Amino acid sequence: MKKTLANVVYYNWGEACEGWRLVDTPGLSVIHEAMPPGTSEALHYHEKAQQFFYILQGSATFEIEGEKTVVFAGEGIHILPTLQHRIINHTEEKIFFTVTSQPNTSGDRVNC
């Protein structure tokens, strides 16, 4: 099935952040997300899922195990299971990115 942001499940998360579930199966999740300026995700980890974040527009700061890395449009970052992490938008513009999780993170998130 062809997917667009108009024909997939939409949801809100965090502080006015948005998400669109492009693929949502037990073994794989692909999500398109948007974060307004000055927002961040809560620090957390996944016991089983690995994740790959790919920045489509803007730049994002990732905090992984206490180390911060800035990832720009056209770049991605791979996060292995059990690593404490979060994404932060320190910029003045909305950022857009995809996050691919394998397996799906449903029921696999532990907030720190």
C-alpha atoms as a PDB file:
ATOM      1  CA  MET A   1       0.000   0.000   0.000  1.00  0.00           C
ATOM      2  CA  LYS A   2       1.271   3.447  -0.924  1.00  0.00           C
ATOM      3  CA  LYS A   3       1.690   5.645   2.173  1.00  0.00           C
ATOM      4  CA  THR A   4       1.349   9.409   2.520  1.00  0.00           C
ATOM      5  CA  LEU A   5       1.018  11.592   5.591  1.00  0.00           C
ATOM      6  CA  ALA A   6      -2.661  11.999   4.643  1.00  0.00           C
ATOM      7  CA  ASN A   7      -3.525   8.255   4.777  1.00  0.00           C
ATOM      8  CA  VAL A   8      -1.644   7.003   7.866  1.00  0.00           C
ATOM      9  CA  VAL A   9      -2.288   7.238  11.613  1.00  0.00           C
ATOM     10  CA  TYR A  10      -1.459  10.681  13.017  1.00  0.00           C
ATOM     11  CA  TYR A  11      -0.713  11.393  16.692  1.00  0.00           C
ATOM     12  CA  ASN A  12       0.609  14.102  19.015  1.00  0.00           C
ATOM     13  CA  TRP A  13       3.377  13.495  21.521  1.00  0.00           C
ATOM     14  CA  GLY A  14       5.472  15.484  23.978  1.00  0.00           C
ATOM     15  CA  GLU A  15       5.287  19.262  23.822  1.00  0.00           C
ATOM     16  CA  ALA A  16       3.249  19.879  20.622  1.00  0.00           C
ATOM     17  CA  CYS A  17       5.263  17.340  18.616  1.00  0.00           C
ATOM     18  CA  GLU A  18       3.637  15.341  15.810  1.00  0.00           C
ATOM     19  CA  GLY A  19       3.978  11.860  14.365  1.00  0.00           C
ATOM     20  CA  TRP A  20       2.699   9.829  11.421  1.00  0.00           C
ATOM     21  CA  ARG A  21       2.923   5.991  11.542  1.00  0.00           C
ATOM     22  CA  LEU A  22       4.147   4.932   8.096  1.00  0.00           C
ATOM     23  CA  VAL A  23       4.781   1.278   9.064  1.00  0.00           C
ATOM     24  CA  ASP A  24       3.456  -0.235  12.292  1.00  0.00           C
ATOM     25  CA  THR A  25       4.056  -3.986  12.606  1.00  0.00           C
ATOM     26  CA  PRO A  26       5.386  -5.994  15.556  1.00  0.00           C
ATOM     27  CA  GLY A  27       8.763  -6.411  13.855  1.00  0.00           C
ATOM     28  CA  LEU A  28       9.192  -2.935  12.367  1.00  0.00           C
ATOM     29  CA  SER A  29       8.067   0.642  12.933  1.00  0.00           C
ATOM     30  CA  VAL A  30       8.745   3.593  10.618  1.00  0.00           C
ATOM     31  CA  ILE A  31       7.506   6.975  11.806  1.00  0.00           C
ATOM     32  CA  HIS A  32       7.714  10.479  10.313  1.00  0.00           C
ATOM     33  CA  GLU A  33       7.905  13.049  13.118  1.00  0.00           C
ATOM     34  CA  ALA A  34       8.035  16.818  13.591  1.00  0.00           C
ATOM     35  CA  MET A  35       9.288  18.820  16.573  1.00  0.00           C
ATOM     36  CA  PRO A  36       8.717  22.568  17.075  1.00  0.00           C
ATOM     37  CA  PRO A  37      11.591  24.804  18.210  1.00  0.00           C
ATOM     38  CA  GLY A  38      12.676  24.398  21.824  1.00  0.00           C
ATOM     39  CA  THR A  39      11.104  20.967  22.384  1.00  0.00           C
ATOM     40  CA  SER A  40      12.647  17.715  23.582  1.00  0.00           C
ATOM     41  CA  GLU A  41      11.760  14.127  24.243  1.00  0.00           C
ATOM     42  CA  ALA A  42      12.036  12.595  27.728  1.00  0.00           C
ATOM     43  CA  LEU A  43      15.214  10.627  28.403  1.00  0.00           C
ATOM     44  CA  HIS A  44      14.448   6.908  27.944  1.00  0.00           C
ATOM     45  CA  TYR A  45      15.722   3.608  26.566  1.00  0.00           C
ATOM     46  CA  HIS A  46      14.371   0.510  24.848  1.00  0.00           C
ATOM     47  CA  GLU A  47      15.131  -2.955  26.175  1.00  0.00           C
ATOM     48  CA  LYS A  48      14.868  -4.731  22.791  1.00  0.00           C
ATOM     49  CA  ALA A  49      14.471  -2.216  19.976  1.00  0.00           C
ATOM     50  CA  GLN A  50      17.263  -0.593  18.018  1.00  0.00           C
ATOM     51  CA  GLN A  51      16.435   2.701  16.338  1.00  0.00           C
ATOM     52  CA  PHE A  52      17.654   4.755  13.414  1.00  0.00           C
ATOM     53  CA  PHE A  53      16.801   8.460  13.243  1.00  0.00           C
ATOM     54  CA  TYR A  54      17.203  10.244   9.891  1.00  0.00           C
ATOM     55  CA  ILE A  55      16.926  14.041   9.758  1.00  0.00           C
ATOM     56  CA  LEU A  56      14.869  15.280   6.794  1.00  0.00           C
ATOM     57  CA  GLN A  57      14.864  19.015   7.578  1.00  0.00           C
ATOM     58  CA  GLY A  58      16.729  21.083  10.158  1.00  0.00           C
ATOM     59  CA  SER A  59      19.121  19.724  12.758  1.00  0.00           C
ATOM     60  CA  ALA A  60      18.582  17.818  15.986  1.00  0.00           C
ATOM     61  CA  THR A  61      20.661  17.251  19.083  1.00  0.00           C
ATOM     62  CA  PHE A  62      20.735  13.676  20.349  1.00  0.00           C
ATOM     63  CA  GLU A  63      21.722  12.921  23.910  1.00  0.00           C
ATOM     64  CA  ILE A  64      22.908   9.293  24.092  1.00  0.00           C
ATOM     65  CA  GLU A  65      24.311   8.002  27.371  1.00  0.00           C
ATOM     66  CA  GLY A  66      25.072  11.600  28.411  1.00  0.00           C
ATOM     67  CA  GLU A  67      26.961  12.503  25.204  1.00  0.00           C
ATOM     68  CA  LYS A  68      25.434  15.100  22.856  1.00  0.00           C
ATOM     69  CA  THR A  69      25.694  14.865  19.062  1.00  0.00           C
ATOM     70  CA  VAL A  70      24.197  17.263  16.508  1.00  0.00           C
ATOM     71  CA  VAL A  71      22.745  15.548  13.434  1.00  0.00           C
ATOM     72  CA  PHE A  72      21.961  17.636  10.340  1.00  0.00           C
ATOM     73  CA  ALA A  73      19.530  17.167   7.426  1.00  0.00           C
ATOM     74  CA  GLY A  74      20.717  14.285   5.276  1.00  0.00           C
ATOM     75  CA  GLU A  75      22.378  12.549   8.245  1.00  0.00           C
ATOM     76  CA  GLY A  76      21.223   9.808  10.602  1.00  0.00           C
ATOM     77  CA  ILE A  77      22.128   8.201  13.897  1.00  0.00           C
ATOM     78  CA  HIS A  78      21.795   4.577  15.030  1.00  0.00           C
ATOM     79  CA  ILE A  79      20.854   3.893  18.660  1.00  0.00           C
ATOM     80  CA  LEU A  80      21.286   0.388  20.041  1.00  0.00           C
ATOM     81  CA  PRO A  81      18.980  -1.203  22.640  1.00  0.00           C
ATOM     82  CA  THR A  82      19.468  -0.236  26.323  1.00  0.00           C
ATOM     83  CA  LEU A  83      21.206   3.082  25.541  1.00  0.00           C
ATOM     84  CA  GLN A  84      19.573   6.029  27.321  1.00  0.00           C
ATOM     85  CA  HIS A  85      18.685   8.654  24.729  1.00  0.00           C
ATOM     86  CA  ARG A  86      16.508  11.559  23.677  1.00  0.00           C
ATOM     87  CA  ILE A  87      16.145  14.001  20.790  1.00  0.00           C
ATOM     88  CA  ILE A  88      16.190  17.765  21.377  1.00  0.00           C
ATOM     89  CA  ASN A  89      15.367  20.661  19.053  1.00  0.00           C
ATOM     90  CA  HIS A  90      17.619  23.519  20.174  1.00  0.00           C
ATOM     91  CA  THR A  91      16.999  25.418  16.919  1.00  0.00           C
ATOM     92  CA  GLU A  92      14.527  28.162  16.027  1.00  0.00           C
ATOM     93  CA  GLU A  93      12.803  26.109  13.322  1.00  0.00           C
ATOM     94  CA  LYS A  94      10.609  23.034  13.220  1.00  0.00           C
ATOM     95  CA  ILE A  95      12.549  19.856  12.470  1.00  0.00           C
ATOM     96  CA  PHE A  96      11.337  16.830  10.507  1.00  0.00           C
ATOM     97  CA  PHE A  97      12.801  13.328  10.736  1.00  0.00           C
ATOM     98  CA  THR A  98      12.043   9.651  10.460  1.00  0.00           C
ATOM     99  CA  VAL A  99      12.602   7.084  13.172  1.00  0.00           C
ATOM    100  CA  THR A 100      12.832   3.414  12.260  1.00  0.00           C
ATOM    101  CA  SER A 101      12.589   0.886  15.101  1.00  0.00           C
ATOM    102  CA  GLN A 102      13.262  -2.841  14.935  1.00  0.00           C
ATOM    103  CA  PRO A 103      11.363  -4.465  16.542  1.00  0.00           C
ATOM    104  CA  ASN A 104       8.494  -2.051  17.204  1.00  0.00           C
ATOM    105  CA  THR A 105       8.929  -0.039  20.431  1.00  0.00           C
ATOM    106  CA  SER A 106       5.358  -0.643  21.616  1.00  0.00           C
ATOM    107  CA  GLY A 107       5.662  -1.733  25.268  1.00  0.00           C
ATOM    108  CA  ASP A 108       9.471  -1.546  25.067  1.00  0.00           C
ATOM    109  CA  ARG A 109      10.090   2.001  26.336  1.00  0.00           C
ATOM    110  CA  VAL A 110      11.489   2.664  29.814  1.00  0.00           C
ATOM    111  CA  ASN A 111      11.506   6.308  30.957  1.00  0.00           C
ATOM    112  CA  CYS A 112      14.543   7.392  33.008  1.00  0.00           C
END
